[in-house]
Amino acid sequence: MYFELTPALIEDILFCMENQNVRFVLDTENSSIVDKNDVAGKDYSDGGRYVSIPEWHSSDGFHLMECFAAGFRNPLVRDALQTSLEQGRGVFRAFKATLSKFPDAENHWFSFKRRKMRRTIFAWYNALREQRNMEKIGEEPDETEDLFPEDFIFRAYEAKDAEAVNTLHNTCRAGKPHDVGDPVLVVETASHDFVGFIAVKRQETALSICNLEVCPEYRGLGIGSELCSRLIQTLGQEHVSKVYLELPVEFEGFSRFLYRSSFKPVATRYCLEIE
C-alpha cells in the first residue's frame, strides 16, 4: 500500500470526517489531509496521489445517535436520549444537552462514536487495498465497553458512607421502613459521587443479600452484577456455605446474572393486596 494507516493519520481523518463545511482528501505521498479545493485538478485516478477520505454526513451522525440511544441499558437515560432525538430542528444540540446531564453516559457516547467511526475508516482503507489486490488488514480490537474499573470505584464500606447508604435505601424503598442490613461494598464514580451498595445479613454459615441498590441514573450498566460478583469473591475464606438473594419481580431481568453465577431458585413468594 502506498500509505500506512497510522494512529496519527486515523486521528486526523476522524477530525476531518466531522467537518461538514470542508471537503478533505488524503495526500498519499506524505500521509496528510488537505482541503480538496487546494489540490483541484490533481491526480485522483485509481492509484493516484490523492484519495477522498471516508464520507461522513449528518445522517450518519443521527443514525449513530439513534443506535446509541436504543441500545443504552439504563431506561432513564435511554428514554431521555430518545426524547431528545424527536426534537427535529436542533436535534444534535438537544442530544448533546441531554447527554451532559448524565456524565457517565456521555463518556460512553464518545467511546461508542469513536469506535464506530474507526470501523468506517478501516473499511475504507481495506477497500483501497482491495482495489490494488492487496491483503486486507484486521481492525484493532475494540476498546472494552465495560465500565470497570476506569469509570467506577468499588471499595469496602466505611462509616462515612452511612448517610449516603441510608439516603439511597430510603429512596429505593419509597420511604417504607426496611432493615438496610450490614453494608459490605459500595461503589462511587471517579469524582466520588455515591452510586450504590450491597448489604448482607449473616446467620451461621448462610449469608443473605438483603439489599443491592443502585441510583436510578446508573442502573442497567451492570453495576449491581459487579457488586454481587465482588461480594462472592470475598467469601472464600469466610466459611460461607450458601448465599441467598430475594429478587423482586420488577428486577426479574437480574435473574440472568444469577443463573450465570450458579444461583438456583429455591422459593417463590406470592402476594395478594387487600384494599
Protein backbone atom coordinates (compact mmCIF):
# COMPACT_ATOMS: atom_id res chain seq x y z
CA MET A 1 0.00 0.00 0.00
CA TYR A 2 1.30 3.45 -0.82
CA PHE A 3 0.39 4.86 2.60
CA GLU A 4 0.17 3.40 6.08
CA LEU A 5 -2.87 3.82 8.30
CA THR A 6 -1.01 5.05 11.35
CA PRO A 7 -2.66 6.06 14.67
CA ALA A 8 -1.81 9.70 13.93
CA LEU A 9 -3.44 9.52 10.50
CA ILE A 10 -6.54 7.89 11.97
CA GLU A 11 -6.87 10.80 14.40
CA ASP A 12 -6.56 13.31 11.55
CA ILE A 13 -9.20 11.51 9.49
CA LEU A 14 -11.58 11.29 12.46
CA PHE A 15 -11.31 15.03 12.98
CA CYS A 16 -11.89 15.87 9.33
CA MET A 17 -14.78 13.45 8.83
CA GLU A 18 -16.97 15.53 11.14
CA ASN A 19 -16.23 18.82 9.41
CA GLN A 20 -19.30 19.29 7.23
CA ASN A 21 -18.10 22.60 5.78
CA VAL A 22 -14.89 21.47 4.06
CA ARG A 23 -14.20 18.51 1.78
CA PHE A 24 -10.89 16.87 2.54
CA VAL A 25 -8.69 14.42 0.67
CA LEU A 26 -5.67 12.41 1.65
CA ASP A 27 -2.29 13.11 0.10
CA THR A 28 -0.94 9.56 0.00
CA GLU A 29 2.64 10.65 -0.65
CA ASN A 30 3.06 12.35 2.71
CA SER A 31 0.03 10.90 4.58
CA SER A 32 -1.50 14.31 5.21
CA ILE A 33 -5.05 15.62 4.95
CA VAL A 34 -5.60 18.62 2.67
CA ASP A 35 -8.53 20.75 1.55
CA LYS A 36 -9.82 19.37 -1.74
CA ASN A 37 -10.04 22.89 -3.19
CA ASP A 38 -6.30 23.32 -2.67
CA VAL A 39 -5.50 20.40 -4.97
CA ALA A 40 -8.18 20.90 -7.61
CA GLY A 41 -7.24 19.24 -10.88
CA LYS A 42 -4.64 16.98 -9.26
CA ASP A 43 -4.34 13.23 -9.78
CA TYR A 44 -7.44 11.43 -8.47
CA SER A 45 -7.09 8.47 -10.81
CA ASP A 46 -7.12 4.94 -9.49
CA GLY A 47 -3.84 4.62 -7.64
CA GLY A 48 -3.21 8.36 -7.89
CA ARG A 49 -1.71 10.59 -5.27
CA TYR A 50 -4.94 11.93 -3.76
CA VAL A 51 -7.86 9.90 -2.41
CA SER A 52 -11.06 11.06 -0.78
CA ILE A 53 -11.35 10.32 2.93
CA PRO A 54 -14.37 8.34 4.20
CA GLU A 55 -17.64 10.22 3.81
CA TRP A 56 -19.49 11.15 6.97
CA HIS A 57 -22.77 13.03 6.71
CA SER A 58 -25.15 14.44 9.31
CA SER A 59 -27.45 11.50 8.55
CA ASP A 60 -24.66 9.14 9.63
CA GLY A 61 -24.30 11.05 12.88
CA PHE A 62 -28.05 10.93 13.51
CA HIS A 63 -28.17 7.19 12.84
CA LEU A 64 -25.33 6.70 15.28
CA MET A 65 -27.23 8.64 17.96
CA GLU A 66 -30.31 6.51 17.34
CA CYS A 67 -28.32 3.29 17.72
CA PHE A 68 -26.65 4.51 20.90
CA ALA A 69 -29.91 5.63 22.50
CA ALA A 70 -31.78 2.45 21.57
CA GLY A 71 -29.02 0.23 22.91
CA PHE A 72 -28.46 2.04 26.21
CA ARG A 73 -29.47 -0.29 29.01
CA ASN A 74 -30.42 2.29 31.62
CA PRO A 75 -34.11 3.07 30.87
CA LEU A 76 -33.94 6.53 32.47
CA VAL A 77 -31.08 7.61 30.21
CA ARG A 78 -32.44 5.76 27.18
CA ASP A 79 -35.84 7.48 27.38
CA ALA A 80 -34.24 10.90 27.81
CA LEU A 81 -31.97 10.39 24.81
CA GLN A 82 -34.75 9.07 22.61
CA THR A 83 -36.93 12.05 23.54
CA SER A 84 -34.11 14.42 22.54
CA LEU A 85 -33.97 12.74 19.12
CA GLU A 86 -37.58 13.73 18.49
CA GLN A 87 -36.77 17.48 18.60
CA GLY A 88 -36.50 17.90 14.84
CA ARG A 89 -34.58 21.11 14.23
CA GLY A 90 -31.69 21.35 16.68
CA VAL A 91 -31.70 17.61 17.37
CA PHE A 92 -27.90 17.40 17.62
CA ARG A 93 -27.82 20.20 20.16
CA ALA A 94 -30.67 18.59 22.13
CA PHE A 95 -28.90 15.23 22.17
CA LYS A 96 -25.68 16.83 23.39
CA ALA A 97 -27.52 18.78 26.11
CA THR A 98 -29.26 15.64 27.32
CA LEU A 99 -26.00 13.69 27.46
CA SER A 100 -24.41 16.44 29.55
CA LYS A 101 -26.90 15.58 32.33
CA PHE A 102 -25.50 12.04 32.51
CA PRO A 103 -21.68 12.30 32.58
CA ASP A 104 -21.05 8.54 32.54
CA ALA A 105 -23.42 8.05 29.61
CA GLU A 106 -21.66 10.93 27.88
CA ASN A 107 -18.31 9.14 28.28
CA HIS A 108 -19.85 6.02 26.78
CA TRP A 109 -21.19 8.03 23.86
CA PHE A 110 -17.75 9.37 23.00
CA SER A 111 -16.28 5.85 23.13
CA PHE A 112 -19.17 4.41 21.11
CA LYS A 113 -18.93 7.11 18.45
CA ARG A 114 -15.18 6.82 18.16
CA ARG A 115 -15.38 3.03 17.84
CA LYS A 116 -17.97 3.18 15.04
CA MET A 117 -16.13 5.89 13.11
CA ARG A 118 -12.85 3.97 13.35
CA ARG A 119 -14.61 0.96 11.83
CA THR A 120 -15.65 3.17 8.93
CA ILE A 121 -12.03 4.22 8.44
CA PHE A 122 -10.75 0.64 8.48
CA ALA A 123 -13.43 -0.40 5.97
CA TRP A 124 -12.40 2.50 3.69
CA TYR A 125 -8.72 1.60 3.98
CA ASN A 126 -9.35 -2.07 3.22
CA ALA A 127 -11.45 -1.12 0.19
CA LEU A 128 -8.47 0.82 -1.16
CA ARG A 129 -6.18 -2.14 -0.54
CA GLU A 130 -8.63 -4.50 -2.22
CA GLN A 131 -8.67 -2.28 -5.33
CA ARG A 132 -4.94 -2.85 -5.58
CA ASN A 133 -5.18 -6.61 -4.93
CA MET A 134 -3.60 -6.23 -1.53
CA GLU A 135 -4.43 -8.21 1.58
CA LYS A 136 -6.85 -6.56 3.97
CA ILE A 137 -5.68 -5.64 7.43
CA GLY A 138 -7.58 -6.57 10.57
CA GLU A 139 -9.14 -3.96 12.77
CA GLU A 140 -7.59 -3.26 16.11
CA PRO A 141 -9.55 -4.86 18.98
CA ASP A 142 -12.45 -2.73 20.16
CA GLU A 143 -11.89 -0.75 23.28
CA THR A 144 -13.73 -2.53 26.06
CA GLU A 145 -17.26 -1.37 26.74
CA ASP A 146 -17.00 -2.37 30.39
CA LEU A 147 -17.28 0.46 32.86
CA PHE A 148 -14.90 -1.20 35.26
CA PRO A 149 -12.56 -0.22 36.70
CA GLU A 150 -11.98 3.11 34.90
CA ASP A 151 -15.35 4.80 35.45
CA PHE A 152 -16.34 3.44 38.87
CA ILE A 153 -14.57 2.69 42.13
CA PHE A 154 -15.60 -0.38 44.13
CA ARG A 155 -14.43 -0.47 47.72
CA ALA A 156 -15.26 -1.71 51.20
CA TYR A 157 -17.99 0.06 53.14
CA GLU A 158 -16.80 2.72 55.61
CA ALA A 159 -18.62 4.51 58.40
CA LYS A 160 -18.58 7.74 56.38
CA ASP A 161 -20.85 6.04 53.79
CA ALA A 162 -23.74 5.57 56.24
CA GLU A 163 -25.64 8.73 55.27
CA ALA A 164 -25.39 8.03 51.52
CA VAL A 165 -26.41 4.39 52.04
CA ASN A 166 -29.47 5.34 54.11
CA THR A 167 -30.49 8.09 51.67
CA LEU A 168 -30.35 5.72 48.69
CA HIS A 169 -32.07 2.97 50.67
CA ASN A 170 -34.97 5.24 51.62
CA THR A 171 -35.26 6.36 48.00
CA CYS A 172 -35.33 2.79 46.69
CA ARG A 173 -37.84 1.71 49.33
CA ALA A 174 -40.05 4.77 48.75
CA GLY A 175 -39.87 5.66 52.44
CA LYS A 176 -41.18 2.27 53.64
CA PRO A 177 -39.25 1.03 56.71
CA HIS A 178 -36.92 -1.86 55.93
CA ASP A 179 -33.72 -3.04 57.57
CA VAL A 180 -30.78 -1.94 55.46
CA GLY A 181 -28.63 -4.79 56.76
CA ASP A 182 -24.86 -4.66 57.04
CA PRO A 183 -23.35 -2.79 54.06
CA VAL A 184 -20.26 -4.58 52.76
CA LEU A 185 -19.27 -2.92 49.49
CA VAL A 186 -20.03 0.45 47.95
CA VAL A 187 -19.43 1.92 44.50
CA GLU A 188 -18.79 5.52 43.54
CA THR A 189 -17.81 7.45 40.44
CA ALA A 190 -14.27 8.60 39.82
CA SER A 191 -15.38 12.00 41.17
CA HIS A 192 -16.64 10.25 44.35
CA ASP A 193 -20.36 10.58 43.75
CA PHE A 194 -22.18 7.76 45.55
CA VAL A 195 -23.64 5.18 43.15
CA GLY A 196 -24.73 2.10 45.11
CA PHE A 197 -24.07 -0.53 47.74
CA ILE A 198 -24.62 -4.15 48.69
CA ALA A 199 -25.64 -5.18 52.22
CA VAL A 200 -25.97 -8.60 53.84
CA LYS A 201 -27.23 -10.48 56.87
CA ARG A 202 -25.33 -13.44 58.26
CA GLN A 203 -26.68 -16.49 60.06
CA GLU A 204 -24.11 -19.16 60.88
CA THR A 205 -22.72 -20.32 57.51
CA ALA A 206 -25.51 -18.75 55.41
CA LEU A 207 -25.45 -15.23 54.03
CA SER A 208 -28.43 -13.30 52.70
CA ILE A 209 -28.01 -10.36 50.34
CA CYS A 210 -30.73 -8.19 51.83
CA ASN A 211 -30.11 -5.04 49.79
CA LEU A 212 -28.43 -4.46 46.45
CA GLU A 213 -29.25 -0.90 45.46
CA VAL A 214 -28.02 1.39 42.69
CA CYS A 215 -29.00 5.00 42.00
CA PRO A 216 -31.64 5.10 39.22
CA GLU A 217 -29.44 7.06 36.80
CA TYR A 218 -26.78 4.33 36.93
CA ARG A 219 -29.00 1.27 36.58
CA GLY A 220 -28.70 -1.03 33.60
CA LEU A 221 -24.91 -0.65 33.40
CA GLY A 222 -24.00 -3.91 35.14
CA ILE A 223 -23.09 -2.26 38.45
CA GLY A 224 -25.40 -4.50 40.51
CA SER A 225 -23.92 -7.60 38.91
CA GLU A 226 -20.41 -6.37 39.61
CA LEU A 227 -21.21 -5.65 43.25
CA CYS A 228 -22.66 -9.14 43.63
CA SER A 229 -19.69 -10.77 41.89
CA ARG A 230 -17.18 -8.93 44.04
CA LEU A 231 -19.02 -9.87 47.21
CA ILE A 232 -18.98 -13.56 46.26
CA GLN A 233 -15.26 -13.37 45.52
CA THR A 234 -14.63 -12.25 49.11
CA LEU A 235 -16.42 -15.23 50.69
CA GLY A 236 -13.84 -17.92 50.00
CA GLN A 237 -12.17 -17.58 53.40
CA GLU A 238 -15.26 -16.76 55.46
CA HIS A 239 -16.77 -20.25 55.69
CA VAL A 240 -19.99 -19.25 53.96
CA SER A 241 -21.75 -22.29 52.51
CA LYS A 242 -24.84 -20.66 50.99
CA VAL A 243 -25.77 -17.24 49.63
CA TYR A 244 -29.39 -16.17 49.30
CA LEU A 245 -30.89 -13.27 47.40
CA GLU A 246 -34.59 -12.43 47.28
CA LEU A 247 -35.37 -10.91 43.87
CA PRO A 248 -38.32 -8.50 43.49
CA VAL A 249 -40.40 -9.24 40.42
CA GLU A 250 -39.62 -5.83 38.89
CA PHE A 251 -35.96 -6.85 38.72
CA GLU A 252 -36.55 -10.27 37.21
CA GLY A 253 -34.07 -9.47 34.45
CA PHE A 254 -31.31 -9.75 37.07
CA SER A 255 -32.02 -13.48 37.21
CA ARG A 256 -29.91 -13.94 34.06
CA PHE A 257 -26.84 -12.89 36.01
CA LEU A 258 -27.83 -15.14 38.92
CA TYR A 259 -28.17 -18.19 36.68
CA ARG A 260 -24.79 -17.47 35.08
CA SER A 261 -23.32 -17.28 38.60
CA SER A 262 -24.77 -20.72 39.54
CA PHE A 263 -27.58 -19.40 41.74
CA LYS A 264 -30.66 -21.62 41.73
CA PRO A 265 -34.26 -20.65 42.58
CA VAL A 266 -35.37 -22.18 45.89
CA ALA A 267 -38.70 -20.44 46.59
CA THR A 268 -41.45 -18.36 45.01
CA ARG A 269 -43.28 -15.71 47.04
CA TYR A 270 -46.82 -14.58 46.17
CA CYS A 271 -48.65 -11.54 47.47
CA LEU A 272 -52.30 -10.55 47.50
CA GLU A 273 -53.04 -6.93 48.36
CA ILE A 274 -56.34 -6.35 50.18
CA GLU A 275 -57.69 -2.86 49.77
